[in-house]
Amino acid sequence: TFDESVEYLQNCLLSNDIISVDIELLRRRYPYTISYALSSESAISIAFADYTDAQAATVWRLMGRVLASKKVLGQNYTNFDIYWLRALGLQPNISLVDDTRIRHAVLWPELSHKLDFMTIQYTREPYYKEEGKGWSKIRGGEGLRQLKTYNCKDTLVTREIYDVQELEFNDRPELKKFYYEHELPLAQAMAVMETRGMLCD
């Protein structure tokens, strides 16, 4: 509901912890829902078009404040989510981003860096990635509920993966230093360049 969304986003603004974020697209073209997770056990999924104009303005402003001012976590966030969020008119702060895909590439370069693989590697969450497909074929409100549940699971496992990666980085501090001093700044710079483009004659 509108009240639940506002309350959760306000709690995100009050939190001093990293917030996991993920968007879902309809037919790989239209941003449809966005999920925020305060921990690996608490998440909300908000559909972009669920509210009246006045309610939507309030929710969007809160979403924008979270993305602009809080430390945000995502899976492949610097290569995907950030572009769609900017296209929606939001202003995510690239300097406050962590990306589990890049972290995994530093920790385990020889392994797959897809979320489904990392979920198996780091969590005990049963396989759920098929739940994100075919949801629109379900009539009534169940289709949207299925998509939102899937959206929440993505942010929850991303946060759980991040927490375990932190333990791995603590065991190998030289890799943590490499991630924060080389790989993440490089990804952030690439995201800025790809957003701005290049001037051509």
N, C-alpha and C. Protein backbone atom coordinates (compact mmCIF):
# COMPACT_ATOMS: atom_id res chain seq x y z
N THR A 1 0.84 -1.19 0.00
CA THR A 1 0.00 0.00 0.00
C THR A 1 0.88 1.25 0.00
N PHE A 2 0.23 2.39 -0.24
CA PHE A 2 0.96 3.65 -0.21
C PHE A 2 1.61 3.88 1.15
N ASP A 3 0.86 3.66 2.23
CA ASP A 3 1.40 3.89 3.58
C ASP A 3 2.57 2.96 3.89
N GLU A 4 2.48 1.71 3.47
CA GLU A 4 3.57 0.76 3.70
C GLU A 4 4.82 1.18 2.94
N SER A 5 4.63 1.63 1.71
CA SER A 5 5.77 2.07 0.90
C SER A 5 6.47 3.27 1.53
N VAL A 6 5.67 4.26 1.96
CA VAL A 6 6.24 5.46 2.58
C VAL A 6 6.98 5.10 3.86
N GLU A 7 6.38 4.25 4.69
CA GLU A 7 7.01 3.88 5.95
C GLU A 7 8.33 3.15 5.71
N TYR A 8 8.35 2.23 4.75
CA TYR A 8 9.57 1.47 4.49
C TYR A 8 10.67 2.37 3.94
N LEU A 9 10.33 3.24 3.02
CA LEU A 9 11.33 4.14 2.45
C LEU A 9 11.86 5.12 3.49
N GLN A 10 11.00 5.57 4.40
CA GLN A 10 11.46 6.42 5.49
C GLN A 10 12.43 5.66 6.40
N ASN A 11 12.15 4.38 6.64
CA ASN A 11 13.07 3.56 7.43
C ASN A 11 14.41 3.39 6.71
N CYS A 12 14.36 3.31 5.39
CA CYS A 12 15.61 3.25 4.62
C CYS A 12 16.43 4.51 4.83
N LEU A 13 15.75 5.66 4.84
CA LEU A 13 16.45 6.93 5.04
C LEU A 13 17.04 7.04 6.43
N LEU A 14 16.43 6.40 7.41
CA LEU A 14 16.92 6.44 8.79
C LEU A 14 18.04 5.42 9.03
N SER A 15 18.16 4.43 8.17
CA SER A 15 19.13 3.35 8.37
C SER A 15 20.55 3.83 8.08
N ASN A 16 21.49 3.29 8.84
CA ASN A 16 22.90 3.55 8.60
C ASN A 16 23.56 2.39 7.87
N ASP A 17 22.77 1.39 7.50
CA ASP A 17 23.28 0.20 6.83
C ASP A 17 23.10 0.31 5.32
N ILE A 18 23.78 -0.57 4.60
CA ILE A 18 23.65 -0.59 3.14
C ILE A 18 22.28 -1.13 2.75
N ILE A 19 21.70 -0.59 1.67
CA ILE A 19 20.35 -0.95 1.25
C ILE A 19 20.42 -1.62 -0.12
N SER A 20 19.90 -2.83 -0.20
CA SER A 20 19.90 -3.58 -1.45
C SER A 20 18.75 -3.10 -2.34
N VAL A 21 19.05 -2.88 -3.64
CA VAL A 21 18.07 -2.34 -4.57
C VAL A 21 18.06 -3.17 -5.86
N ASP A 22 16.86 -3.37 -6.43
CA ASP A 22 16.76 -4.10 -7.70
C ASP A 22 15.49 -3.65 -8.43
N ILE A 23 15.59 -3.50 -9.76
CA ILE A 23 14.40 -3.19 -10.54
C ILE A 23 14.05 -4.37 -11.43
N GLU A 24 12.77 -4.47 -11.79
CA GLU A 24 12.30 -5.49 -12.73
C GLU A 24 11.65 -4.79 -13.91
N LEU A 25 11.90 -5.33 -15.10
CA LEU A 25 11.35 -4.77 -16.33
C LEU A 25 10.24 -5.64 -16.88
N LEU A 26 9.28 -5.02 -17.51
CA LEU A 26 8.23 -5.73 -18.23
C LEU A 26 8.70 -5.90 -19.67
N ARG A 27 8.77 -7.16 -20.13
CA ARG A 27 9.23 -7.49 -21.48
C ARG A 27 10.61 -6.92 -21.78
N ARG A 28 11.43 -6.79 -20.75
CA ARG A 28 12.80 -6.27 -20.89
C ARG A 28 12.86 -4.85 -21.45
N ARG A 29 11.74 -4.13 -21.37
CA ARG A 29 11.70 -2.78 -21.94
C ARG A 29 11.19 -1.72 -20.97
N TYR A 30 10.26 -2.10 -20.09
CA TYR A 30 9.58 -1.11 -19.27
C TYR A 30 9.81 -1.38 -17.79
N PRO A 31 10.44 -0.45 -17.08
CA PRO A 31 10.60 -0.62 -15.63
C PRO A 31 9.22 -0.74 -14.96
N TYR A 32 9.05 -1.76 -14.15
CA TYR A 32 7.72 -2.06 -13.61
C TYR A 32 7.66 -2.03 -12.09
N THR A 33 8.69 -2.62 -11.44
CA THR A 33 8.73 -2.61 -9.98
C THR A 33 10.17 -2.34 -9.53
N ILE A 34 10.29 -1.90 -8.28
CA ILE A 34 11.60 -1.71 -7.66
C ILE A 34 11.51 -2.23 -6.24
N SER A 35 12.56 -2.92 -5.82
CA SER A 35 12.60 -3.47 -4.46
C SER A 35 13.74 -2.83 -3.67
N TYR A 36 13.47 -2.60 -2.39
CA TYR A 36 14.46 -2.12 -1.43
C TYR A 36 14.51 -3.13 -0.29
N ALA A 37 15.71 -3.49 0.15
CA ALA A 37 15.87 -4.42 1.28
C ALA A 37 16.77 -3.79 2.33
N LEU A 38 16.24 -3.69 3.54
CA LEU A 38 17.01 -3.15 4.65
C LEU A 38 17.98 -4.18 5.22
N SER A 39 17.72 -5.46 4.97
CA SER A 39 18.57 -6.54 5.45
C SER A 39 18.30 -7.75 4.57
N SER A 40 18.89 -8.89 4.92
CA SER A 40 18.63 -10.11 4.16
C SER A 40 17.31 -10.76 4.57
N GLU A 41 16.58 -10.12 5.47
CA GLU A 41 15.31 -10.67 5.94
C GLU A 41 14.14 -9.70 5.80
N SER A 42 14.37 -8.52 5.23
CA SER A 42 13.31 -7.52 5.14
C SER A 42 13.40 -6.76 3.82
N ALA A 43 12.33 -6.84 3.03
CA ALA A 43 12.32 -6.15 1.73
C ALA A 43 10.90 -5.72 1.37
N ILE A 44 10.83 -4.77 0.46
CA ILE A 44 9.54 -4.32 -0.07
C ILE A 44 9.70 -4.15 -1.58
N SER A 45 8.64 -4.46 -2.32
CA SER A 45 8.63 -4.22 -3.77
C SER A 45 7.52 -3.23 -4.07
N ILE A 46 7.87 -2.19 -4.81
CA ILE A 46 6.95 -1.11 -5.12
C ILE A 46 6.75 -1.04 -6.63
N ALA A 47 5.51 -1.17 -7.07
CA ALA A 47 5.22 -1.02 -8.50
C ALA A 47 5.21 0.47 -8.83
N PHE A 48 5.76 0.82 -9.98
CA PHE A 48 5.90 2.24 -10.32
C PHE A 48 4.57 2.93 -10.59
N ALA A 49 3.52 2.18 -10.92
CA ALA A 49 2.26 2.81 -11.33
C ALA A 49 1.08 2.42 -10.44
N ASP A 50 1.34 2.19 -9.15
CA ASP A 50 0.29 1.71 -8.26
C ASP A 50 -0.52 2.82 -7.58
N TYR A 51 -0.13 4.09 -7.73
CA TYR A 51 -0.66 5.12 -6.86
C TYR A 51 -1.32 6.26 -7.63
N THR A 52 -2.06 7.07 -6.89
CA THR A 52 -2.58 8.30 -7.48
C THR A 52 -1.40 9.22 -7.78
N ASP A 53 -1.65 10.28 -8.52
CA ASP A 53 -0.56 11.19 -8.87
C ASP A 53 0.11 11.79 -7.63
N ALA A 54 -0.70 12.20 -6.66
CA ALA A 54 -0.14 12.81 -5.45
C ALA A 54 0.66 11.78 -4.65
N GLN A 55 0.13 10.56 -4.52
CA GLN A 55 0.84 9.51 -3.80
C GLN A 55 2.13 9.15 -4.53
N ALA A 56 2.05 9.03 -5.86
CA ALA A 56 3.24 8.68 -6.65
C ALA A 56 4.34 9.72 -6.46
N ALA A 57 3.98 11.00 -6.42
CA ALA A 57 4.98 12.05 -6.23
C ALA A 57 5.71 11.87 -4.90
N THR A 58 4.96 11.52 -3.85
CA THR A 58 5.56 11.31 -2.53
C THR A 58 6.50 10.11 -2.55
N VAL A 59 6.04 8.99 -3.12
CA VAL A 59 6.84 7.77 -3.17
C VAL A 59 8.10 7.99 -4.00
N TRP A 60 7.95 8.63 -5.17
CA TRP A 60 9.10 8.84 -6.04
C TRP A 60 10.14 9.75 -5.40
N ARG A 61 9.68 10.77 -4.68
CA ARG A 61 10.64 11.66 -4.00
C ARG A 61 11.42 10.88 -2.93
N LEU A 62 10.72 10.01 -2.20
CA LEU A 62 11.40 9.20 -1.18
C LEU A 62 12.38 8.22 -1.83
N MET A 63 11.96 7.58 -2.91
CA MET A 63 12.86 6.66 -3.62
C MET A 63 14.10 7.41 -4.09
N GLY A 64 13.90 8.59 -4.63
CA GLY A 64 15.02 9.39 -5.11
C GLY A 64 15.97 9.77 -4.00
N ARG A 65 15.43 10.12 -2.84
CA ARG A 65 16.27 10.49 -1.69
C ARG A 65 17.11 9.30 -1.23
N VAL A 66 16.50 8.12 -1.20
CA VAL A 66 17.25 6.92 -0.79
C VAL A 66 18.40 6.67 -1.76
N LEU A 67 18.11 6.71 -3.05
CA LEU A 67 19.13 6.41 -4.06
C LEU A 67 20.23 7.47 -4.11
N ALA A 68 19.90 8.70 -3.78
CA ALA A 68 20.88 9.78 -3.85
C ALA A 68 21.74 9.91 -2.60
N SER A 69 21.22 9.45 -1.44
CA SER A 69 21.92 9.76 -0.19
C SER A 69 22.38 8.55 0.60
N LYS A 70 21.89 7.35 0.30
CA LYS A 70 22.23 6.17 1.10
C LYS A 70 23.20 5.26 0.34
N LYS A 71 23.96 4.48 1.08
CA LYS A 71 24.83 3.48 0.46
C LYS A 71 23.94 2.37 -0.09
N VAL A 72 24.08 2.10 -1.39
CA VAL A 72 23.18 1.18 -2.09
C VAL A 72 23.96 -0.01 -2.62
N LEU A 73 23.31 -1.16 -2.57
CA LEU A 73 23.89 -2.41 -3.04
C LEU A 73 23.04 -2.97 -4.16
N GLY A 74 23.68 -3.54 -5.17
CA GLY A 74 22.93 -4.20 -6.24
C GLY A 74 23.75 -5.28 -6.89
N GLN A 75 23.06 -6.15 -7.62
CA GLN A 75 23.72 -7.17 -8.43
C GLN A 75 23.75 -6.66 -9.87
N ASN A 76 24.94 -6.43 -10.38
CA ASN A 76 25.12 -5.84 -11.71
C ASN A 76 24.51 -4.43 -11.77
N TYR A 77 24.53 -3.74 -10.66
CA TYR A 77 23.91 -2.43 -10.52
C TYR A 77 24.57 -1.39 -11.43
N THR A 78 25.91 -1.43 -11.51
CA THR A 78 26.61 -0.39 -12.28
C THR A 78 26.46 -0.59 -13.79
N ASN A 79 26.06 -1.79 -14.22
CA ASN A 79 25.89 -2.06 -15.65
C ASN A 79 24.44 -2.12 -16.10
N PHE A 80 23.50 -2.09 -15.16
CA PHE A 80 22.10 -2.25 -15.55
C PHE A 80 21.17 -1.30 -14.81
N ASP A 81 20.98 -1.54 -13.52
CA ASP A 81 19.96 -0.79 -12.77
C ASP A 81 20.16 0.71 -12.84
N ILE A 82 21.41 1.15 -12.75
CA ILE A 82 21.66 2.59 -12.66
C ILE A 82 21.18 3.32 -13.92
N TYR A 83 21.27 2.68 -15.08
CA TYR A 83 20.83 3.33 -16.32
C TYR A 83 19.32 3.48 -16.36
N TRP A 84 18.62 2.42 -15.94
CA TRP A 84 17.16 2.50 -15.93
C TRP A 84 16.66 3.49 -14.88
N LEU A 85 17.32 3.54 -13.74
CA LEU A 85 16.92 4.50 -12.71
C LEU A 85 17.11 5.93 -13.20
N ARG A 86 18.20 6.18 -13.90
CA ARG A 86 18.41 7.51 -14.46
C ARG A 86 17.40 7.82 -15.55
N ALA A 87 17.05 6.82 -16.35
CA ALA A 87 16.06 7.03 -17.41
C ALA A 87 14.69 7.38 -16.82
N LEU A 88 14.43 6.91 -15.60
CA LEU A 88 13.17 7.21 -14.92
C LEU A 88 13.18 8.60 -14.28
N GLY A 89 14.32 9.27 -14.33
CA GLY A 89 14.41 10.61 -13.74
C GLY A 89 14.97 10.63 -12.34
N LEU A 90 15.34 9.45 -11.80
CA LEU A 90 15.95 9.39 -10.48
C LEU A 90 17.45 9.68 -10.62
N GLN A 91 18.08 10.06 -9.52
CA GLN A 91 19.49 10.44 -9.56
C GLN A 91 20.30 9.60 -8.57
N PRO A 92 20.52 8.31 -8.88
CA PRO A 92 21.33 7.48 -7.97
C PRO A 92 22.75 8.00 -7.86
N ASN A 93 23.28 7.93 -6.67
CA ASN A 93 24.63 8.43 -6.40
C ASN A 93 25.63 7.29 -6.65
N ILE A 94 26.32 7.32 -7.77
CA ILE A 94 27.23 6.25 -8.16
C ILE A 94 28.37 6.08 -7.17
N SER A 95 28.73 7.14 -6.45
CA SER A 95 29.85 7.05 -5.51
C SER A 95 29.48 6.30 -4.24
N LEU A 96 28.18 6.00 -4.03
CA LEU A 96 27.74 5.29 -2.83
C LEU A 96 27.28 3.86 -3.14
N VAL A 97 27.76 3.31 -4.25
CA VAL A 97 27.27 2.02 -4.74
C VAL A 97 28.26 0.89 -4.44
N ASP A 98 27.71 -0.28 -4.09
CA ASP A 98 28.47 -1.53 -4.05
C ASP A 98 27.79 -2.51 -4.99
N ASP A 99 28.56 -3.38 -5.63
CA ASP A 99 28.02 -4.29 -6.64
C ASP A 99 28.51 -5.71 -6.38
N THR A 100 27.58 -6.61 -6.04
CA THR A 100 27.96 -7.98 -5.70
C THR A 100 28.58 -8.72 -6.88
N ARG A 101 28.19 -8.36 -8.10
CA ARG A 101 28.76 -9.03 -9.27
C ARG A 101 30.25 -8.72 -9.39
N ILE A 102 30.62 -7.46 -9.20
CA ILE A 102 32.04 -7.08 -9.28
C ILE A 102 32.81 -7.66 -8.09
N ARG A 103 32.19 -7.66 -6.93
CA ARG A 103 32.84 -8.25 -5.75
C ARG A 103 33.15 -9.73 -5.99
N HIS A 104 32.19 -10.42 -6.59
CA HIS A 104 32.37 -11.85 -6.87
C HIS A 104 33.47 -12.07 -7.91
N ALA A 105 33.54 -11.17 -8.89
CA ALA A 105 34.59 -11.28 -9.91
C ALA A 105 35.98 -11.12 -9.30
N VAL A 106 36.09 -10.32 -8.25
CA VAL A 106 37.37 -10.16 -7.56
C VAL A 106 37.67 -11.38 -6.69
N LEU A 107 36.66 -11.86 -5.98
CA LEU A 107 36.86 -12.98 -5.06
C LEU A 107 37.03 -14.31 -5.79
N TRP A 108 36.21 -14.52 -6.82
CA TRP A 108 36.18 -15.81 -7.53
C TRP A 108 36.13 -15.56 -9.03
N PRO A 109 37.22 -15.08 -9.64
CA PRO A 109 37.19 -14.71 -11.05
C PRO A 109 36.89 -15.86 -12.00
N GLU A 110 37.16 -17.10 -11.56
CA GLU A 110 36.97 -18.24 -12.44
C GLU A 110 35.54 -18.76 -12.47
N LEU A 111 34.67 -18.26 -11.59
CA LEU A 111 33.31 -18.76 -11.48
C LEU A 111 32.32 -17.83 -12.20
N SER A 112 31.10 -18.33 -12.41
CA SER A 112 30.03 -17.51 -12.98
C SER A 112 29.66 -16.41 -12.00
N HIS A 113 29.29 -15.24 -12.54
CA HIS A 113 28.93 -14.11 -11.68
C HIS A 113 27.44 -13.77 -11.77
N LYS A 114 26.64 -14.71 -12.27
CA LYS A 114 25.20 -14.50 -12.34
C LYS A 114 24.58 -14.70 -10.95
N LEU A 115 23.45 -14.03 -10.72
CA LEU A 115 22.83 -14.08 -9.41
C LEU A 115 22.36 -15.49 -9.06
N ASP A 116 21.87 -16.25 -10.04
CA ASP A 116 21.40 -17.59 -9.70
C ASP A 116 22.55 -18.47 -9.20
N PHE A 117 23.73 -18.36 -9.83
CA PHE A 117 24.89 -19.12 -9.36
C PHE A 117 25.33 -18.65 -7.98
N MET A 118 25.40 -17.34 -7.80
CA MET A 118 25.85 -16.81 -6.51
C MET A 118 24.88 -17.14 -5.39
N THR A 119 23.59 -17.24 -5.72
CA THR A 119 22.60 -17.64 -4.72
C THR A 119 22.89 -19.05 -4.23
N ILE A 120 23.22 -19.95 -5.15
CA ILE A 120 23.57 -21.32 -4.77
C ILE A 120 24.86 -21.35 -3.96
N GLN A 121 25.82 -20.53 -4.36
CA GLN A 121 27.13 -20.53 -3.70
C GLN A 121 27.06 -19.98 -2.28
N TYR A 122 26.29 -18.91 -2.08
CA TYR A 122 26.34 -18.18 -0.82
C TYR A 122 25.14 -18.37 0.11
N THR A 123 24.02 -18.84 -0.40
CA THR A 123 22.81 -18.89 0.42
C THR A 123 22.19 -20.28 0.40
N ARG A 124 21.13 -20.46 1.17
CA ARG A 124 20.35 -21.70 1.17
C ARG A 124 18.96 -21.46 0.61
N GLU A 125 18.81 -20.34 -0.13
CA GLU A 125 17.53 -20.04 -0.77
C GLU A 125 17.26 -21.05 -1.89
N PRO A 126 16.11 -21.73 -1.88
CA PRO A 126 15.79 -22.65 -2.98
C PRO A 126 15.74 -21.89 -4.31
N TYR A 127 16.05 -22.59 -5.39
CA TYR A 127 16.08 -21.96 -6.72
C TYR A 127 14.73 -21.29 -7.01
N TYR A 128 14.78 -20.03 -7.40
CA TYR A 128 13.55 -19.26 -7.61
C TYR A 128 13.55 -18.46 -8.90
N LYS A 129 14.65 -18.49 -9.67
CA LYS A 129 14.76 -17.58 -10.81
C LYS A 129 13.70 -17.80 -11.88
N GLU A 130 13.11 -19.00 -11.96
CA GLU A 130 12.03 -19.24 -12.92
C GLU A 130 10.77 -18.46 -12.55
N GLU A 131 10.66 -18.05 -11.29
CA GLU A 131 9.47 -17.32 -10.85
C GLU A 131 9.35 -15.96 -11.51
N GLY A 132 10.44 -15.45 -12.03
CA GLY A 132 10.42 -14.15 -12.69
C GLY A 132 9.94 -14.22 -14.13
N LYS A 133 9.71 -15.42 -14.63
CA LYS A 133 9.29 -15.59 -16.02
C LYS A 133 7.82 -16.01 -16.06
N GLY A 134 7.08 -15.46 -17.02
CA GLY A 134 5.70 -15.89 -17.22
C GLY A 134 4.71 -15.38 -16.21
N TRP A 135 5.14 -14.45 -15.35
CA TRP A 135 4.22 -13.98 -14.31
C TRP A 135 3.02 -13.25 -14.90
N SER A 136 3.19 -12.60 -16.07
CA SER A 136 2.11 -11.81 -16.65
C SER A 136 1.00 -12.69 -17.21
N LYS A 137 1.24 -14.00 -17.31
CA LYS A 137 0.22 -14.90 -17.83
C LYS A 137 -0.82 -15.25 -16.77
N ILE A 138 -0.52 -14.93 -15.52
CA ILE A 138 -1.46 -15.24 -14.43
C ILE A 138 -2.48 -14.12 -14.33
N ARG A 139 -3.76 -14.47 -14.35
CA ARG A 139 -4.82 -13.47 -14.34
C ARG A 139 -5.01 -12.87 -12.95
N GLY A 140 -5.62 -11.69 -12.92
CA GLY A 140 -5.90 -11.04 -11.65
C GLY A 140 -4.65 -10.45 -11.04
N GLY A 141 -4.68 -10.26 -9.71
CA GLY A 141 -3.57 -9.64 -9.01
C GLY A 141 -2.43 -10.58 -8.69
N GLU A 142 -2.63 -11.88 -8.92
CA GLU A 142 -1.60 -12.85 -8.57
C GLU A 142 -0.33 -12.69 -9.40
N GLY A 143 -0.49 -12.26 -10.66
CA GLY A 143 0.69 -12.07 -11.50
C GLY A 143 1.61 -11.00 -10.93
N LEU A 144 1.05 -9.85 -10.55
CA LEU A 144 1.85 -8.78 -9.97
C LEU A 144 2.44 -9.21 -8.63
N ARG A 145 1.66 -9.93 -7.86
CA ARG A 145 2.17 -10.42 -6.56
C ARG A 145 3.37 -11.35 -6.78
N GLN A 146 3.29 -12.21 -7.78
CA GLN A 146 4.41 -13.11 -8.09
C GLN A 146 5.65 -12.31 -8.49
N LEU A 147 5.47 -11.28 -9.32
CA LEU A 147 6.60 -10.46 -9.74
C LEU A 147 7.21 -9.73 -8.56
N LYS A 148 6.38 -9.18 -7.68
CA LYS A 148 6.90 -8.45 -6.52
C LYS A 148 7.64 -9.38 -5.56
N THR A 149 7.12 -10.59 -5.39
CA THR A 149 7.80 -11.57 -4.54
C THR A 149 9.17 -11.91 -5.11
N TYR A 150 9.21 -12.12 -6.41
CA TYR A 150 10.47 -12.39 -7.10
C TYR A 150 11.43 -11.21 -6.95
N ASN A 151 10.92 -10.01 -7.11
CA ASN A 151 11.70 -8.78 -6.98
C ASN A 151 12.32 -8.69 -5.58
N CYS A 152 11.51 -8.98 -4.56
CA CYS A 152 12.02 -8.96 -3.18
C CYS A 152 13.10 -10.02 -2.97
N LYS A 153 12.89 -11.22 -3.51
CA LYS A 153 13.88 -12.28 -3.34
C LYS A 153 15.22 -11.86 -3.92
N ASP A 154 15.20 -11.18 -5.06
CA ASP A 154 16.46 -10.72 -5.65
C ASP A 154 17.21 -9.80 -4.69
N THR A 155 16.52 -8.85 -4.06
CA THR A 155 17.22 -7.93 -3.16
C THR A 155 17.65 -8.63 -1.87
N LEU A 156 16.85 -9.58 -1.41
CA LEU A 156 17.19 -10.29 -0.17
C LEU A 156 18.43 -11.16 -0.36
N VAL A 157 18.48 -11.94 -1.46
CA VAL A 157 19.66 -12.80 -1.66
C VAL A 157 20.89 -11.95 -1.99
N THR A 158 20.69 -10.84 -2.68
CA THR A 158 21.83 -9.95 -2.97
C THR A 158 22.44 -9.45 -1.67
N ARG A 159 21.60 -9.08 -0.72
CA ARG A 159 22.11 -8.63 0.59
C ARG A 159 22.78 -9.78 1.35
N GLU A 160 22.18 -10.96 1.29
CA GLU A 160 22.78 -12.11 1.97
C GLU A 160 24.14 -12.45 1.36
N ILE A 161 24.23 -12.38 0.04
CA ILE A 161 25.50 -12.62 -0.65
C ILE A 161 26.54 -11.59 -0.20
N TYR A 162 26.14 -10.33 -0.15
CA TYR A 162 27.05 -9.26 0.27
C TYR A 162 27.61 -9.53 1.67
N ASP A 163 26.74 -9.96 2.59
CA ASP A 163 27.19 -10.21 3.96
C ASP A 163 28.24 -11.31 4.02
N VAL A 164 28.06 -12.38 3.22
CA VAL A 164 29.04 -13.46 3.21
C VAL A 164 30.32 -13.01 2.49
N GLN A 165 30.16 -12.22 1.44
CA GLN A 165 31.34 -11.68 0.75
C GLN A 165 32.18 -10.83 1.70
N GLU A 166 31.53 -10.11 2.60
CA GLU A 166 32.28 -9.31 3.57
C GLU A 166 33.18 -10.20 4.42
N LEU A 167 32.68 -11.37 4.81
CA LEU A 167 33.50 -12.30 5.58
C LEU A 167 34.68 -12.79 4.76
N GLU A 168 34.43 -13.06 3.47
CA GLU A 168 35.52 -13.51 2.60
C GLU A 168 36.56 -12.40 2.40
N PHE A 169 36.10 -11.18 2.24
CA PHE A 169 37.03 -10.05 2.09
C PHE A 169 37.84 -9.85 3.37
N ASN A 170 37.22 -10.06 4.51
CA ASN A 170 37.95 -9.91 5.77
C ASN A 170 39.04 -10.97 5.90
N ASP A 171 38.80 -12.15 5.32
CA ASP A 171 39.83 -13.19 5.33
C ASP A 171 40.94 -12.91 4.33
N ARG A 172 40.61 -12.11 3.29
CA ARG A 172 41.60 -11.79 2.25
C ARG A 172 41.60 -10.27 2.03
N PRO A 173 42.12 -9.52 2.97
CA PRO A 173 42.04 -8.05 2.91
C PRO A 173 42.70 -7.44 1.68
N GLU A 174 43.67 -8.15 1.09
CA GLU A 174 44.30 -7.61 -0.12
C GLU A 174 43.31 -7.55 -1.27
N LEU A 175 42.35 -8.48 -1.31
CA LEU A 175 41.33 -8.45 -2.36
C LEU A 175 40.30 -7.35 -2.09
N LYS A 176 39.99 -7.12 -0.83
CA LYS A 176 39.07 -6.03 -0.49
C LYS A 176 39.67 -4.69 -0.90
N LYS A 177 40.95 -4.53 -0.63
CA LYS A 177 41.65 -3.31 -1.01
C LYS A 177 41.63 -3.14 -2.54
N PHE A 178 41.87 -4.23 -3.27
CA PHE A 178 41.85 -4.20 -4.73
C PHE A 178 40.46 -3.83 -5.25
N TYR A 179 39.43 -4.40 -4.64
CA TYR A 179 38.05 -4.11 -5.06
C TYR A 179 37.73 -2.63 -4.88
N TYR A 180 37.99 -2.10 -3.68
CA TYR A 180 37.60 -0.73 -3.38
C TYR A 180 38.53 0.32 -3.99
N GLU A 181 39.76 -0.05 -4.28
CA GLU A 181 40.70 0.94 -4.81
C GLU A 181 40.86 0.85 -6.32
N HIS A 182 40.45 -0.26 -6.94
CA HIS A 182 40.63 -0.41 -8.38
C HIS A 182 39.34 -0.77 -9.11
N GLU A 183 38.76 -1.91 -8.78
CA GLU A 183 37.62 -2.42 -9.56
C GLU A 183 36.36 -1.57 -9.43
N LEU A 184 35.98 -1.22 -8.21
CA LEU A 184 34.76 -0.43 -8.04
C LEU A 184 34.90 0.98 -8.62
N PRO A 185 36.00 1.70 -8.36
CA PRO A 185 36.14 3.02 -9.01
C PRO A 185 36.13 2.94 -10.53
N LEU A 186 36.70 1.88 -11.09
CA LEU A 186 36.70 1.71 -12.54
C LEU A 186 35.27 1.51 -13.05
N ALA A 187 34.50 0.68 -12.36
CA ALA A 187 33.10 0.45 -12.75
C ALA A 187 32.28 1.74 -12.64
N GLN A 188 32.53 2.51 -11.59
CA GLN A 188 31.82 3.78 -11.42
C GLN A 188 32.17 4.75 -12.53
N ALA A 189 33.44 4.82 -12.90
CA ALA A 189 33.87 5.71 -13.98
C ALA A 189 33.24 5.28 -15.31
N MET A 190 33.19 3.98 -15.56
CA MET A 190 32.57 3.48 -16.79
C MET A 190 31.08 3.81 -16.84
N ALA A 191 30.41 3.70 -15.70
CA ALA A 191 28.98 4.02 -15.65
C ALA A 191 28.74 5.49 -15.99
N VAL A 192 29.60 6.36 -15.50
CA VAL A 192 29.48 7.79 -15.81
C VAL A 192 29.73 8.04 -17.29
N MET A 193 30.79 7.42 -17.84
CA MET A 193 31.12 7.62 -19.25
C MET A 193 30.01 7.11 -20.17
N GLU A 194 29.46 5.92 -19.83
CA GLU A 194 28.42 5.34 -20.68
C GLU A 194 27.12 6.13 -20.60
N THR A 195 26.89 6.80 -19.49
CA THR A 195 25.70 7.63 -19.35
C THR A 195 25.85 8.92 -20.14
N ARG A 196 27.04 9.54 -20.06
CA ARG A 196 27.27 10.83 -20.72
C ARG A 196 27.53 10.67 -22.21
N GLY A 197 28.09 9.53 -22.60
CA GLY A 197 28.43 9.34 -24.00
C GLY A 197 29.72 10.03 -24.36
N MET A 198 30.01 10.07 -25.66
CA MET A 198 31.22 10.72 -26.16
C MET A 198 30.84 11.70 -27.26
N LEU A 199 31.48 12.86 -27.27
CA LEU A 199 31.24 13.83 -28.31
C LEU A 199 31.93 13.38 -29.59
N CYS A 200 31.19 13.35 -30.68
CA CYS A 200 31.75 12.94 -31.99
C CYS A 200 31.48 14.01 -33.02
N ASP A 201 32.44 14.21 -33.90
CA ASP A 201 32.27 15.15 -34.99
C ASP A 201 31.71 14.36 -36.16
